[in-house]
Full PDB file with SEQRES, HELIX, SHEET, SSBOND, CRYST1, ORIGX, SCALE, CONECT and MASTER records, all heavy atoms in Angstrom:
SEQRES   1 A   38  ALA ALA ASN SER ASP LEU VAL ALA GLY VAL VAL GLY TRP          
SEQRES   2 A   38  THR ASP LEU THR ALA PRO ASP VAL ALA ASP HIS LEU ALA          
SEQRES   3 A   38  GLY LEU ARG ALA GLY LEU GLY GLY ALA TYR LEU VAL              
HELIX    1 AA1 VAL A   21  ALA A   30  1                                  10    
HELIX    2 AA2 GLY A   34  TYR A   36  5                                   3    
CRYST1    1.000    1.000    1.000  90.00  90.00  90.00 P 1           1          
ORIGX1      1.000000  0.000000  0.000000        0.00000                         
ORIGX2      0.000000  1.000000  0.000000        0.00000                         
ORIGX3      0.000000  0.000000  1.000000        0.00000                         
SCALE1      1.000000  0.000000  0.000000        0.00000                         
SCALE2      0.000000  1.000000  0.000000        0.00000                         
SCALE3      0.000000  0.000000  1.000000        0.00000                         
ATOM      1  N   ALA A   1       0.828  -1.205   0.000  1.00  0.00           N  
ATOM      2  CA  ALA A   1       0.000   0.000   0.000  1.00  0.00           C  
ATOM      3  C   ALA A   1       0.861   1.253   0.000  1.00  0.00           C  
ATOM      4  O   ALA A   1       0.539   2.254  -0.657  1.00  0.00           O  
ATOM      5  CB  ALA A   1      -0.936  -0.007   1.203  1.00  0.00           C  
ATOM      6  N   ALA A   2       1.959   1.209   0.750  1.00  0.00           N  
ATOM      7  CA  ALA A   2       2.837   2.373   0.845  1.00  0.00           C  
ATOM      8  C   ALA A   2       3.473   2.718  -0.493  1.00  0.00           C  
ATOM      9  O   ALA A   2       3.903   3.864  -0.703  1.00  0.00           O  
ATOM     10  CB  ALA A   2       3.914   2.127   1.897  1.00  0.00           C  
ATOM     11  N   ASN A   3       3.525   1.749  -1.392  1.00  0.00           N  
ATOM     12  CA  ASN A   3       4.161   1.957  -2.695  1.00  0.00           C  
ATOM     13  C   ASN A   3       3.159   1.907  -3.840  1.00  0.00           C  
ATOM     14  O   ASN A   3       3.541   1.701  -4.992  1.00  0.00           O  
ATOM     15  CB  ASN A   3       5.255   0.911  -2.906  1.00  0.00           C  
ATOM     16  CG  ASN A   3       6.443   1.118  -1.990  1.00  0.00           C  
ATOM     17  OD1 ASN A   3       7.240   2.022  -2.201  1.00  0.00           O  
ATOM     18  ND2 ASN A   3       6.546   0.307  -0.935  1.00  0.00           N  
ATOM     19  N   SER A   4       1.884   2.083  -3.530  1.00  0.00           N  
ATOM     20  CA  SER A   4       0.829   2.003  -4.539  1.00  0.00           C  
ATOM     21  C   SER A   4       0.000   3.273  -4.515  1.00  0.00           C  
ATOM     22  O   SER A   4      -0.298   3.809  -3.443  1.00  0.00           O  
ATOM     23  CB  SER A   4      -0.067   0.791  -4.254  1.00  0.00           C  
ATOM     24  OG  SER A   4      -1.240   0.824  -5.042  1.00  0.00           O  
ATOM     25  N   ASP A   5      -0.392   3.755  -5.688  1.00  0.00           N  
ATOM     26  CA  ASP A   5      -1.324   4.877  -5.732  1.00  0.00           C  
ATOM     27  C   ASP A   5      -2.758   4.395  -5.947  1.00  0.00           C  
ATOM     28  O   ASP A   5      -3.654   5.190  -6.200  1.00  0.00           O  
ATOM     29  CB  ASP A   5      -0.929   5.889  -6.807  1.00  0.00           C  
ATOM     30  CG  ASP A   5      -0.918   5.297  -8.210  1.00  0.00           C  
ATOM     31  OD1 ASP A   5      -1.206   4.084  -8.352  1.00  0.00           O  
ATOM     32  OD2 ASP A   5      -0.620   6.034  -9.161  1.00  0.00           O  
ATOM     33  N   LEU A   6      -2.974   3.080  -5.813  1.00  0.00           N  
ATOM     34  CA  LEU A   6      -4.311   2.512  -5.937  1.00  0.00           C  
ATOM     35  C   LEU A   6      -4.852   2.061  -4.581  1.00  0.00           C  
ATOM     36  O   LEU A   6      -5.996   2.347  -4.230  1.00  0.00           O  
ATOM     37  CB  LEU A   6      -4.310   1.329  -6.908  1.00  0.00           C  
ATOM     38  CG  LEU A   6      -5.662   0.673  -7.171  1.00  0.00           C  
ATOM     39  CD1 LEU A   6      -6.607   1.632  -7.890  1.00  0.00           C  
ATOM     40  CD2 LEU A   6      -5.491  -0.606  -7.998  1.00  0.00           C  
ATOM     41  N   VAL A   7      -4.047   1.352  -3.793  1.00  0.00           N  
ATOM     42  CA  VAL A   7      -4.493   0.826  -2.501  1.00  0.00           C  
ATOM     43  C   VAL A   7      -4.525   1.956  -1.476  1.00  0.00           C  
ATOM     44  O   VAL A   7      -3.496   2.562  -1.164  1.00  0.00           O  
ATOM     45  CB  VAL A   7      -3.583  -0.311  -2.014  1.00  0.00           C  
ATOM     46  CG1 VAL A   7      -4.037  -0.798  -0.639  1.00  0.00           C  
ATOM     47  CG2 VAL A   7      -3.573  -1.456  -3.013  1.00  0.00           C  
ATOM     48  N   ALA A   8      -5.714   2.235  -0.956  1.00  0.00           N  
ATOM     49  CA  ALA A   8      -5.881   3.312   0.016  1.00  0.00           C  
ATOM     50  C   ALA A   8      -5.998   2.798   1.439  1.00  0.00           C  
ATOM     51  O   ALA A   8      -5.942   3.584   2.396  1.00  0.00           O  
ATOM     52  CB  ALA A   8      -7.120   4.137  -0.327  1.00  0.00           C  
ATOM     53  N   GLY A   9      -6.179   1.501   1.619  1.00  0.00           N  
ATOM     54  CA  GLY A   9      -6.299   0.936   2.953  1.00  0.00           C  
ATOM     55  C   GLY A   9      -6.092  -0.560   2.927  1.00  0.00           C  
ATOM     56  O   GLY A   9      -6.267  -1.204   1.890  1.00  0.00           O  
ATOM     57  N   VAL A  10      -5.713  -1.107   4.087  1.00  0.00           N  
ATOM     58  CA  VAL A  10      -5.471  -2.542   4.234  1.00  0.00           C  
ATOM     59  C   VAL A  10      -6.267  -3.062   5.420  1.00  0.00           C  
ATOM     60  O   VAL A  10      -6.223  -2.478   6.514  1.00  0.00           O  
ATOM     61  CB  VAL A  10      -3.972  -2.840   4.451  1.00  0.00           C  
ATOM     62  CG1 VAL A  10      -3.751  -4.306   4.828  1.00  0.00           C  
ATOM     63  CG2 VAL A  10      -3.166  -2.481   3.207  1.00  0.00           C  
ATOM     64  N   VAL A  11      -7.004  -4.135   5.204  1.00  0.00           N  
ATOM     65  CA  VAL A  11      -7.622  -4.898   6.296  1.00  0.00           C  
ATOM     66  C   VAL A  11      -6.742  -6.120   6.500  1.00  0.00           C  
ATOM     67  O   VAL A  11      -6.685  -7.001   5.644  1.00  0.00           O  
ATOM     68  CB  VAL A  11      -9.069  -5.307   5.955  1.00  0.00           C  
ATOM     69  CG1 VAL A  11      -9.630  -6.241   7.035  1.00  0.00           C  
ATOM     70  CG2 VAL A  11      -9.952  -4.072   5.820  1.00  0.00           C  
ATOM     71  N   GLY A  12      -6.041  -6.157   7.614  1.00  0.00           N  
ATOM     72  CA  GLY A  12      -5.063  -7.201   7.857  1.00  0.00           C  
ATOM     73  C   GLY A  12      -5.527  -8.230   8.855  1.00  0.00           C  
ATOM     74  O   GLY A  12      -6.720  -8.310   9.193  1.00  0.00           O  
ATOM     75  N   TRP A  13      -4.573  -9.023   9.330  1.00  0.00           N  
ATOM     76  CA  TRP A  13      -4.883 -10.079  10.300  1.00  0.00           C  
ATOM     77  C   TRP A  13      -3.919  -9.995  11.472  1.00  0.00           C  
ATOM     78  O   TRP A  13      -2.735  -9.665  11.305  1.00  0.00           O  
ATOM     79  CB  TRP A  13      -4.770 -11.464   9.664  1.00  0.00           C  
ATOM     80  CG  TRP A  13      -5.061 -12.579  10.643  1.00  0.00           C  
ATOM     81  CD1 TRP A  13      -6.289 -13.083  10.967  1.00  0.00           C  
ATOM     82  CD2 TRP A  13      -4.116 -13.306  11.449  1.00  0.00           C  
ATOM     83  NE1 TRP A  13      -6.176 -14.076  11.917  1.00  0.00           N  
ATOM     84  CE2 TRP A  13      -4.835 -14.232  12.235  1.00  0.00           C  
ATOM     85  CE3 TRP A  13      -2.715 -13.248  11.587  1.00  0.00           C  
ATOM     86  CZ2 TRP A  13      -4.230 -15.101  13.131  1.00  0.00           C  
ATOM     87  CZ3 TRP A  13      -2.106 -14.107  12.487  1.00  0.00           C  
ATOM     88  CH2 TRP A  13      -2.857 -15.023  13.249  1.00  0.00           C  
ATOM     89  N   THR A  14      -4.437 -10.277  12.645  1.00  0.00           N  
ATOM     90  CA  THR A  14      -3.617 -10.551  13.809  1.00  0.00           C  
ATOM     91  C   THR A  14      -4.400 -11.506  14.688  1.00  0.00           C  
ATOM     92  O   THR A  14      -5.620 -11.630  14.548  1.00  0.00           O  
ATOM     93  CB  THR A  14      -3.245  -9.264  14.573  1.00  0.00           C  
ATOM     94  OG1 THR A  14      -2.176  -9.531  15.495  1.00  0.00           O  
ATOM     95  CG2 THR A  14      -4.444  -8.705  15.337  1.00  0.00           C  
ATOM     96  N   ASP A  15      -3.712 -12.203  15.559  1.00  0.00           N  
ATOM     97  CA  ASP A  15      -4.365 -13.184  16.430  1.00  0.00           C  
ATOM     98  C   ASP A  15      -5.124 -12.454  17.528  1.00  0.00           C  
ATOM     99  O   ASP A  15      -4.526 -11.926  18.466  1.00  0.00           O  
ATOM    100  CB  ASP A  15      -3.310 -14.120  17.027  1.00  0.00           C  
ATOM    101  CG  ASP A  15      -3.926 -15.208  17.897  1.00  0.00           C  
ATOM    102  OD1 ASP A  15      -5.167 -15.242  18.038  1.00  0.00           O  
ATOM    103  OD2 ASP A  15      -3.152 -16.025  18.440  1.00  0.00           O  
ATOM    104  N   LEU A  16      -6.438 -12.417  17.395  1.00  0.00           N  
ATOM    105  CA  LEU A  16      -7.260 -11.712  18.380  1.00  0.00           C  
ATOM    106  C   LEU A  16      -7.181 -12.336  19.766  1.00  0.00           C  
ATOM    107  O   LEU A  16      -7.447 -11.660  20.763  1.00  0.00           O  
ATOM    108  CB  LEU A  16      -8.723 -11.695  17.923  1.00  0.00           C  
ATOM    109  CG  LEU A  16      -9.063 -10.858  16.697  1.00  0.00           C  
ATOM    110  CD1 LEU A  16     -10.531 -11.026  16.356  1.00  0.00           C  
ATOM    111  CD2 LEU A  16      -8.726  -9.396  16.916  1.00  0.00           C  
ATOM    112  N   THR A  17      -6.834 -13.605  19.829  1.00  0.00           N  
ATOM    113  CA  THR A  17      -6.817 -14.280  21.127  1.00  0.00           C  
ATOM    114  C   THR A  17      -5.473 -14.154  21.837  1.00  0.00           C  
ATOM    115  O   THR A  17      -5.327 -14.632  22.966  1.00  0.00           O  
ATOM    116  CB  THR A  17      -7.155 -15.774  20.957  1.00  0.00           C  
ATOM    117  OG1 THR A  17      -6.110 -16.423  20.223  1.00  0.00           O  
ATOM    118  CG2 THR A  17      -8.479 -15.946  20.219  1.00  0.00           C  
ATOM    119  N   ALA A  18      -4.485 -13.521  21.202  1.00  0.00           N  
ATOM    120  CA  ALA A  18      -3.177 -13.363  21.834  1.00  0.00           C  
ATOM    121  C   ALA A  18      -3.273 -12.374  22.995  1.00  0.00           C  
ATOM    122  O   ALA A  18      -3.921 -11.328  22.875  1.00  0.00           O  
ATOM    123  CB  ALA A  18      -2.156 -12.877  20.822  1.00  0.00           C  
ATOM    124  N   PRO A  19      -2.625 -12.667  24.129  1.00  0.00           N  
ATOM    125  CA  PRO A  19      -2.680 -11.734  25.263  1.00  0.00           C  
ATOM    126  C   PRO A  19      -2.136 -10.353  24.933  1.00  0.00           C  
ATOM    127  O   PRO A  19      -2.579  -9.359  25.518  1.00  0.00           O  
ATOM    128  CB  PRO A  19      -1.817 -12.429  26.326  1.00  0.00           C  
ATOM    129  CG  PRO A  19      -1.812 -13.872  25.945  1.00  0.00           C  
ATOM    130  CD  PRO A  19      -1.891 -13.896  24.447  1.00  0.00           C  
ATOM    131  N   ASP A  20      -1.187 -10.289  24.007  1.00  0.00           N  
ATOM    132  CA  ASP A  20      -0.561  -9.009  23.658  1.00  0.00           C  
ATOM    133  C   ASP A  20      -1.047  -8.484  22.311  1.00  0.00           C  
ATOM    134  O   ASP A  20      -0.291  -7.841  21.575  1.00  0.00           O  
ATOM    135  CB  ASP A  20       0.958  -9.145  23.650  1.00  0.00           C  
ATOM    136  CG  ASP A  20       1.451 -10.254  22.722  1.00  0.00           C  
ATOM    137  OD1 ASP A  20       0.612 -11.046  22.238  1.00  0.00           O  
ATOM    138  OD2 ASP A  20       2.674 -10.335  22.488  1.00  0.00           O  
ATOM    139  N   VAL A  21      -2.336  -8.710  22.002  1.00  0.00           N  
ATOM    140  CA  VAL A  21      -2.871  -8.291  20.707  1.00  0.00           C  
ATOM    141  C   VAL A  21      -2.722  -6.785  20.506  1.00  0.00           C  
ATOM    142  O   VAL A  21      -2.423  -6.322  19.399  1.00  0.00           O  
ATOM    143  CB  VAL A  21      -4.343  -8.737  20.551  1.00  0.00           C  
ATOM    144  CG1 VAL A  21      -5.234  -8.156  21.623  1.00  0.00           C  
ATOM    145  CG2 VAL A  21      -4.871  -8.382  19.162  1.00  0.00           C  
ATOM    146  N   ALA A  22      -2.872  -5.991  21.553  1.00  0.00           N  
ATOM    147  CA  ALA A  22      -2.738  -4.536  21.417  1.00  0.00           C  
ATOM    148  C   ALA A  22      -1.329  -4.159  20.975  1.00  0.00           C  
ATOM    149  O   ALA A  22      -1.141  -3.252  20.157  1.00  0.00           O  
ATOM    150  CB  ALA A  22      -3.096  -3.845  22.724  1.00  0.00           C  
ATOM    151  N   ASP A  23      -0.327  -4.870  21.512  1.00  0.00           N  
ATOM    152  CA  ASP A  23       1.052  -4.600  21.109  1.00  0.00           C  
ATOM    153  C   ASP A  23       1.285  -4.974  19.645  1.00  0.00           C  
ATOM    154  O   ASP A  23       2.006  -4.277  18.928  1.00  0.00           O  
ATOM    155  CB  ASP A  23       2.025  -5.375  22.007  1.00  0.00           C  
ATOM    156  CG  ASP A  23       2.012  -4.885  23.444  1.00  0.00           C  
ATOM    157  OD1 ASP A  23       1.635  -3.714  23.667  1.00  0.00           O  
ATOM    158  OD2 ASP A  23       2.360  -5.679  24.333  1.00  0.00           O  
ATOM    159  N   HIS A  24       0.679  -6.071  19.208  1.00  0.00           N  
ATOM    160  CA  HIS A  24       0.814  -6.475  17.809  1.00  0.00           C  
ATOM    161  C   HIS A  24       0.216  -5.417  16.879  1.00  0.00           C  
ATOM    162  O   HIS A  24       0.806  -5.078  15.845  1.00  0.00           O  
ATOM    163  CB  HIS A  24       0.129  -7.818  17.567  1.00  0.00           C  
ATOM    164  CG  HIS A  24       0.891  -8.991  18.086  1.00  0.00           C  
ATOM    165  ND1 HIS A  24       2.066  -9.426  17.523  1.00  0.00           N  
ATOM    166  CD2 HIS A  24       0.651  -9.824  19.132  1.00  0.00           C  
ATOM    167  CE1 HIS A  24       2.525 -10.475  18.181  1.00  0.00           C  
ATOM    168  NE2 HIS A  24       1.676 -10.734  19.174  1.00  0.00           N  
ATOM    169  N   LEU A  25      -0.948  -4.891  17.253  1.00  0.00           N  
ATOM    170  CA  LEU A  25      -1.576  -3.853  16.437  1.00  0.00           C  
ATOM    171  C   LEU A  25      -0.719  -2.597  16.400  1.00  0.00           C  
ATOM    172  O   LEU A  25      -0.542  -1.977  15.338  1.00  0.00           O  
ATOM    173  CB  LEU A  25      -2.970  -3.532  16.980  1.00  0.00           C  
ATOM    174  CG  LEU A  25      -4.008  -4.656  16.872  1.00  0.00           C  
ATOM    175  CD1 LEU A  25      -5.284  -4.275  17.606  1.00  0.00           C  
ATOM    176  CD2 LEU A  25      -4.319  -4.966  15.413  1.00  0.00           C  
ATOM    177  N   ALA A  26      -0.165  -2.234  17.547  1.00  0.00           N  
ATOM    178  CA  ALA A  26       0.710  -1.048  17.595  1.00  0.00           C  
ATOM    179  C   ALA A  26       1.948  -1.260  16.732  1.00  0.00           C  
ATOM    180  O   ALA A  26       2.418  -0.326  16.061  1.00  0.00           O  
ATOM    181  CB  ALA A  26       1.105  -0.752  19.037  1.00  0.00           C  
ATOM    182  N   GLY A  27       2.475  -2.487  16.726  1.00  0.00           N  
ATOM    183  CA  GLY A  27       3.635  -2.779  15.903  1.00  0.00           C  
ATOM    184  C   GLY A  27       3.335  -2.649  14.423  1.00  0.00           C  
ATOM    185  O   GLY A  27       4.154  -2.138  13.643  1.00  0.00           O  
ATOM    186  N   LEU A  28       2.152  -3.097  14.014  1.00  0.00           N  
ATOM    187  CA  LEU A  28       1.755  -2.959  12.616  1.00  0.00           C  
ATOM    188  C   LEU A  28       1.623  -1.490  12.229  1.00  0.00           C  
ATOM    189  O   LEU A  28       2.069  -1.068  11.149  1.00  0.00           O  
ATOM    190  CB  LEU A  28       0.434  -3.686  12.367  1.00  0.00           C  
ATOM    191  CG  LEU A  28       0.476  -5.210  12.408  1.00  0.00           C  
ATOM    192  CD1 LEU A  28      -0.934  -5.785  12.395  1.00  0.00           C  
ATOM    193  CD2 LEU A  28       1.289  -5.766  11.232  1.00  0.00           C  
ATOM    194  N   ARG A  29       1.042  -0.700  13.117  1.00  0.00           N  
ATOM    195  CA  ARG A  29       0.868   0.719  12.833  1.00  0.00           C  
ATOM    196  C   ARG A  29       2.198   1.455  12.762  1.00  0.00           C  
ATOM    197  O   ARG A  29       2.332   2.460  12.066  1.00  0.00           O  
ATOM    198  CB  ARG A  29      -0.034   1.358  13.892  1.00  0.00           C  
ATOM    199  CG  ARG A  29      -1.445   0.801  13.952  1.00  0.00           C  
ATOM    200  CD  ARG A  29      -2.254   1.080  12.712  1.00  0.00           C  
ATOM    201  NE  ARG A  29      -2.691   2.447  12.640  1.00  0.00           N  
ATOM    202  CZ  ARG A  29      -3.800   2.901  13.207  1.00  0.00           C  
ATOM    203  NH1 ARG A  29      -4.596   2.087  13.883  1.00  0.00           N  
ATOM    204  NH2 ARG A  29      -4.143   4.152  13.084  1.00  0.00           N  
ATOM    205  N   ALA A  30       3.193   0.963  13.493  1.00  0.00           N  
ATOM    206  CA  ALA A  30       4.493   1.631  13.542  1.00  0.00           C  
ATOM    207  C   ALA A  30       5.398   1.247  12.383  1.00  0.00           C  
ATOM    208  O   ALA A  30       6.412   1.917  12.135  1.00  0.00           O  
ATOM    209  CB  ALA A  30       5.194   1.318  14.869  1.00  0.00           C  
ATOM    210  N   GLY A  31       5.076   0.183  11.659  1.00  0.00           N  
ATOM    211  CA  GLY A  31       5.928  -0.309  10.589  1.00  0.00           C  
ATOM    212  C   GLY A  31       5.702   0.406   9.273  1.00  0.00           C  
ATOM    213  O   GLY A  31       4.886   1.336   9.170  1.00  0.00           O  
ATOM    214  N   LEU A  32       6.404  -0.046   8.243  1.00  0.00           N  
ATOM    215  CA  LEU A  32       6.272   0.529   6.909  1.00  0.00           C  
ATOM    216  C   LEU A  32       4.829   0.428   6.435  1.00  0.00           C  
ATOM    217  O   LEU A  32       4.237  -0.651   6.449  1.00  0.00           O  
ATOM    218  CB  LEU A  32       7.195  -0.215   5.934  1.00  0.00           C  
ATOM    219  CG  LEU A  32       7.107   0.194   4.462  1.00  0.00           C  
ATOM    220  CD1 LEU A  32       7.509   1.648   4.279  1.00  0.00           C  
ATOM    221  CD2 LEU A  32       7.964  -0.725   3.603  1.00  0.00           C  
ATOM    222  N   GLY A  33       4.266   1.551   6.039  1.00  0.00           N  
ATOM    223  CA  GLY A  33       2.893   1.572   5.552  1.00  0.00           C  
ATOM    224  C   GLY A  33       1.851   1.431   6.639  1.00  0.00           C  
ATOM    225  O   GLY A  33       0.666   1.240   6.340  1.00  0.00           O  
ATOM    226  N   GLY A  34       2.257   1.551   7.902  1.00  0.00           N  
ATOM    227  CA  GLY A  34       1.322   1.334   9.003  1.00  0.00           C  
ATOM    228  C   GLY A  34       0.117   2.253   8.990  1.00  0.00           C  
ATOM    229  O   GLY A  34      -0.948   1.887   9.506  1.00  0.00           O  
ATOM    230  N   ALA A  35       0.257   3.425   8.426  1.00  0.00           N  
ATOM    231  CA  ALA A  35      -0.875   4.352   8.357  1.00  0.00           C  
ATOM    232  C   ALA A  35      -1.997   3.830   7.467  1.00  0.00           C  
ATOM    233  O   ALA A  35      -3.123   4.327   7.535  1.00  0.00           O  
ATOM    234  CB  ALA A  35      -0.408   5.715   7.844  1.00  0.00           C  
ATOM    235  N   TYR A  36      -1.692   2.828   6.640  1.00  0.00           N  
ATOM    236  CA  TYR A  36      -2.711   2.273   5.739  1.00  0.00           C  
ATOM    237  C   TYR A  36      -3.537   1.168   6.396  1.00  0.00           C  
ATOM    238  O   TYR A  36      -4.494   0.672   5.792  1.00  0.00           O  
ATOM    239  CB  TYR A  36      -2.054   1.732   4.468  1.00  0.00           C  
ATOM    240  CG  TYR A  36      -1.570   2.824   3.562  1.00  0.00           C  
ATOM    241  CD1 TYR A  36      -0.291   3.337   3.688  1.00  0.00           C  
ATOM    242  CD2 TYR A  36      -2.406   3.372   2.591  1.00  0.00           C  
ATOM    243  CE1 TYR A  36       0.159   4.366   2.865  1.00  0.00           C  
ATOM    244  CE2 TYR A  36      -1.972   4.391   1.756  1.00  0.00           C  
ATOM    245  CZ  TYR A  36      -0.689   4.886   1.905  1.00  0.00           C  
ATOM    246  OH  TYR A  36      -0.256   5.900   1.094  1.00  0.00           O  
ATOM    247  N   LEU A  37      -3.182   0.769   7.611  1.00  0.00           N  
ATOM    248  CA  LEU A  37      -3.966  -0.257   8.298  1.00  0.00           C  
ATOM    249  C   LEU A  37      -5.289   0.352   8.748  1.00  0.00           C  
ATOM    250  O   LEU A  37      -5.316   1.266   9.581  1.00  0.00           O  
ATOM    251  CB  LEU A  37      -3.203  -0.802   9.500  1.00  0.00           C  
ATOM    252  CG  LEU A  37      -3.877  -1.977  10.210  1.00  0.00           C  
ATOM    253  CD1 LEU A  37      -3.891  -3.222   9.325  1.00  0.00           C  
ATOM    254  CD2 LEU A  37      -3.173  -2.291  11.535  1.00  0.00           C  
ATOM    255  N   VAL A  38      -6.390  -0.153   8.208  1.00  0.00           N  
ATOM    256  CA  VAL A  38      -7.704   0.403   8.523  1.00  0.00           C  
ATOM    257  C   VAL A  38      -8.600  -0.591   9.252  1.00  0.00           C  
ATOM    258  O   VAL A  38      -9.620  -0.207   9.836  1.00  0.00           O  
ATOM    259  CB  VAL A  38      -8.421   0.914   7.260  1.00  0.00           C  
ATOM    260  CG1 VAL A  38      -7.646   2.071   6.642  1.00  0.00           C  
ATOM    261  CG2 VAL A  38      -8.632  -0.201   6.240  1.00  0.00           C  
TER     262      VAL A  38                                                      
MASTER        0    0    0    2    0    0    0    6  261    1    0    3          
END                                                                             
């Protein structure tokens, strides 16, 4: 998404049952293209 002028958002996956799911989501947002996680 970060390198595309077509993709405006990404619906991704993470393990909802993981105890540290909030940290996983924060990690995705902090990485390359993280602003595209919707």
